[in-house]
Amino acid sequence: MPKRGNLLSEFEPGVIQSLTEKKVPTGQIADRLGRSYNCIKNYLLRSKTYTRGGGRPQLLDDRTKRHIYLELIKDDSPTAARLIADLNLNVSKDTVYRNGYKYVPYFKAPLLSPLNKNNRLKWAKKTLLKLTTKKLNLEQVTFLDEKIFLLDGPDGCRKYWTKHNEI
C-alpha cells in the first residue's frame, strides 16, 4: 500500500484559501507550500471534511456484533463456526475472533465474596467446636475436598466466550 503524506498543518489551509480567492492556480499553490497538486486539489474539493480516508468497511456492523454477543449470552459455549452458522453470517471465524471475543478457560473456582468467606469460617469453627466437645462422631462424617462442577457438559471442555477486557 502506498504511504500517505501528512495532513495539512493548521497554517496551510488558510494559505490555500487566501491564494484561491486571489485566483492563483492550484499548481502554483502546491509549489509554494511544497505539497502535491492532488493534495491541494483534494483539500479544495472537500475542505469541510478534510481528514484521512475511512479505509475498508468493517464486515461486522454494530448490530451484528450485538447479535453475536446475545448469542454468546444465551449459549455459553458455542464455537465460532456454530455462531456464524446460527446467525447466517458471511464471514470467517477469524473475523469473530478479531472483534475481541475469545474462547478462554473457566476459572478454577468462583471468587469468594466476603460473606461466603465469613460463612465458611463460621462453619469451620462450629464443626471444630462439635469435635472438641465430642458431640460429633467422626465415623459418621465424610470430609471431601473434591467437588465436581460440570460447567460445560460431558465433553470436558471448560471454556467460555468473553470480551477481551472483561476478565
Protein backbone atom coordinates (compact mmCIF):
# COMPACT_ATOMS: atom_id res chain seq x y z
CA MET A 1 0.00 0.00 0.00
CA PRO A 2 1.36 3.47 -0.80
CA LYS A 3 2.43 5.64 2.09
CA ARG A 4 0.15 8.55 2.78
CA GLY A 5 1.52 12.02 3.37
CA ASN A 6 0.92 14.16 6.41
CA LEU A 7 -2.28 16.13 6.80
CA LEU A 8 -2.09 19.85 6.19
CA SER A 9 -0.92 21.89 9.17
CA GLU A 10 -3.18 24.48 10.80
CA PHE A 11 -1.47 27.23 8.81
CA GLU A 12 -1.64 25.69 5.31
CA PRO A 13 -5.45 25.62 4.81
CA GLY A 14 -5.60 29.37 5.44
CA VAL A 15 -2.86 29.97 2.85
CA ILE A 16 -4.68 27.76 0.34
CA GLN A 17 -7.97 29.61 0.91
CA SER A 18 -6.42 33.06 0.56
CA LEU A 19 -4.44 32.16 -2.59
CA THR A 20 -7.53 30.51 -4.12
CA GLU A 21 -9.55 33.70 -3.51
CA LYS A 22 -6.80 35.63 -5.34
CA LYS A 23 -7.26 33.21 -8.29
CA VAL A 24 -3.74 31.75 -8.02
CA PRO A 25 -3.56 28.44 -9.97
CA THR A 26 -3.54 25.22 -7.95
CA GLY A 27 -0.14 24.19 -9.32
CA GLN A 28 1.48 27.40 -8.07
CA ILE A 29 -0.13 26.98 -4.64
CA ALA A 30 1.28 23.45 -4.49
CA ASP A 31 4.76 24.70 -5.42
CA ARG A 32 4.67 27.46 -2.77
CA LEU A 33 3.61 25.08 0.01
CA GLY A 34 5.77 22.17 -1.10
CA ARG A 35 2.73 19.92 -1.46
CA SER A 36 1.47 17.89 -4.38
CA TYR A 37 -1.08 19.19 -6.84
CA ASN A 38 -3.51 16.43 -5.80
CA CYS A 39 -3.15 17.35 -2.13
CA ILE A 40 -4.24 20.93 -2.80
CA LYS A 41 -6.97 19.85 -5.21
CA ASN A 42 -8.39 17.33 -2.73
CA TYR A 43 -8.41 19.91 0.04
CA LEU A 44 -10.33 22.36 -2.15
CA LEU A 45 -12.84 19.69 -3.20
CA ARG A 46 -13.58 18.55 0.33
CA SER A 47 -12.42 21.40 2.54
CA LYS A 48 -15.27 20.88 5.02
CA THR A 49 -14.39 17.26 5.73
CA TYR A 50 -10.64 17.23 5.29
CA THR A 51 -9.43 14.10 7.08
CA ARG A 52 -7.83 10.82 6.18
CA GLY A 53 -9.84 8.31 4.19
CA GLY A 54 -12.10 5.90 6.00
CA GLY A 55 -10.41 2.71 4.89
CA ARG A 56 -12.01 -0.63 4.23
CA PRO A 57 -15.53 -1.02 5.65
CA GLN A 58 -15.91 -3.40 8.57
CA LEU A 59 -17.50 -6.76 7.89
CA LEU A 60 -19.42 -6.80 11.17
CA ASP A 61 -21.54 -3.75 11.90
CA ASP A 62 -22.67 -2.82 15.41
CA ARG A 63 -25.97 -4.64 15.05
CA THR A 64 -24.28 -7.89 14.06
CA LYS A 65 -21.83 -7.55 16.95
CA ARG A 66 -24.78 -7.19 19.34
CA HIS A 67 -26.38 -10.32 17.84
CA ILE A 68 -23.15 -12.24 18.40
CA TYR A 69 -22.98 -11.02 21.99
CA LEU A 70 -26.61 -12.00 22.65
CA GLU A 71 -25.99 -15.44 21.16
CA LEU A 72 -22.99 -15.86 23.46
CA ILE A 73 -25.10 -14.94 26.47
CA LYS A 74 -27.81 -17.45 25.55
CA ASP A 75 -25.49 -20.38 24.90
CA ASP A 76 -22.28 -20.01 26.85
CA SER A 77 -20.16 -22.41 24.82
CA PRO A 78 -20.79 -22.12 21.09
CA THR A 79 -17.93 -22.39 18.66
CA ALA A 80 -17.15 -19.59 16.23
CA ALA A 81 -18.28 -21.78 13.34
CA ARG A 82 -21.60 -22.50 15.05
CA LEU A 83 -22.09 -18.79 15.78
CA ILE A 84 -21.58 -17.99 12.12
CA ALA A 85 -23.99 -20.73 11.07
CA ASP A 86 -26.68 -19.76 13.62
CA LEU A 87 -26.57 -16.07 12.71
CA ASN A 88 -26.21 -16.81 8.98
CA LEU A 89 -23.14 -14.58 8.64
CA ASN A 90 -20.92 -14.42 5.59
CA VAL A 91 -17.62 -14.02 7.46
CA SER A 92 -14.80 -16.28 8.57
CA LYS A 93 -14.34 -17.42 12.15
CA ASP A 94 -11.20 -15.27 12.33
CA THR A 95 -13.42 -12.21 11.89
CA VAL A 96 -15.34 -13.20 15.03
CA TYR A 97 -12.04 -13.62 16.91
CA ARG A 98 -10.78 -10.24 15.63
CA ASN A 99 -13.75 -8.48 17.17
CA GLY A 100 -12.49 -9.21 20.65
CA TYR A 101 -14.27 -12.43 21.57
CA LYS A 102 -12.01 -15.19 22.81
CA TYR A 103 -12.66 -18.72 23.94
CA VAL A 104 -10.93 -18.78 27.34
CA PRO A 105 -10.89 -21.36 30.14
CA TYR A 106 -13.13 -21.06 33.16
CA PHE A 107 -11.54 -20.05 36.41
CA LYS A 108 -10.76 -23.00 38.70
CA ALA A 109 -13.27 -21.81 41.28
CA PRO A 110 -15.56 -18.81 41.59
CA LEU A 111 -14.28 -15.88 43.59
CA LEU A 112 -15.43 -15.89 47.19
CA SER A 113 -17.29 -12.86 48.43
CA PRO A 114 -16.61 -11.60 51.97
CA LEU A 115 -20.00 -13.04 53.02
CA ASN A 116 -19.09 -16.52 51.71
CA LYS A 117 -15.70 -16.38 53.43
CA ASN A 118 -17.38 -15.45 56.69
CA ASN A 119 -19.93 -18.27 56.35
CA ARG A 120 -17.18 -20.81 55.66
CA LEU A 121 -15.25 -19.63 58.71
CA LYS A 122 -18.37 -19.92 60.91
CA TRP A 123 -19.00 -23.45 59.63
CA ALA A 124 -15.39 -24.48 60.31
CA LYS A 125 -15.49 -23.05 63.84
CA LYS A 126 -18.83 -24.73 64.56
CA THR A 127 -17.52 -28.08 63.27
CA LEU A 128 -14.34 -27.81 65.33
CA LEU A 129 -16.37 -26.91 68.40
CA LYS A 130 -18.52 -30.01 67.93
CA LEU A 131 -15.37 -32.11 67.54
CA THR A 132 -13.80 -30.78 70.72
CA THR A 133 -16.97 -31.26 72.78
CA LYS A 134 -17.43 -34.80 71.39
CA LYS A 135 -20.90 -34.01 70.05
CA LEU A 136 -19.82 -35.10 66.58
CA ASN A 137 -18.78 -38.64 65.71
CA LEU A 138 -16.07 -38.56 63.03
CA GLU A 139 -17.02 -42.03 61.82
CA GLN A 140 -20.35 -40.66 60.64
CA VAL A 141 -18.83 -37.68 58.80
CA THR A 142 -17.09 -37.76 55.46
CA PHE A 143 -15.00 -34.74 54.54
CA LEU A 144 -14.33 -34.45 50.84
CA ASP A 145 -12.04 -31.98 49.23
CA GLU A 146 -13.35 -32.91 45.81
CA LYS A 147 -16.39 -31.27 44.38
CA ILE A 148 -17.16 -31.61 40.68
CA PHE A 149 -18.83 -28.76 38.88
CA LEU A 150 -19.67 -29.58 35.29
CA LEU A 151 -19.63 -26.13 33.78
CA ASP A 152 -19.87 -27.27 30.23
CA GLY A 153 -21.38 -30.72 29.98
CA PRO A 154 -19.86 -34.13 29.39
CA ASP A 155 -17.19 -33.17 26.85
CA GLY A 156 -14.70 -31.77 29.39
CA CYS A 157 -14.18 -28.51 27.53
CA ARG A 158 -14.32 -25.96 30.34
CA LYS A 159 -14.19 -22.82 28.27
CA TYR A 160 -16.46 -19.88 27.58
CA TRP A 161 -16.63 -16.81 25.37
CA THR A 162 -15.62 -13.45 26.75
CA LYS A 163 -14.86 -9.96 25.52
CA HIS A 164 -11.16 -9.05 25.61
CA ASN A 165 -11.23 -6.67 28.60
CA GLU A 166 -13.85 -8.44 30.75
CA ILE A 167 -11.51 -10.87 32.51
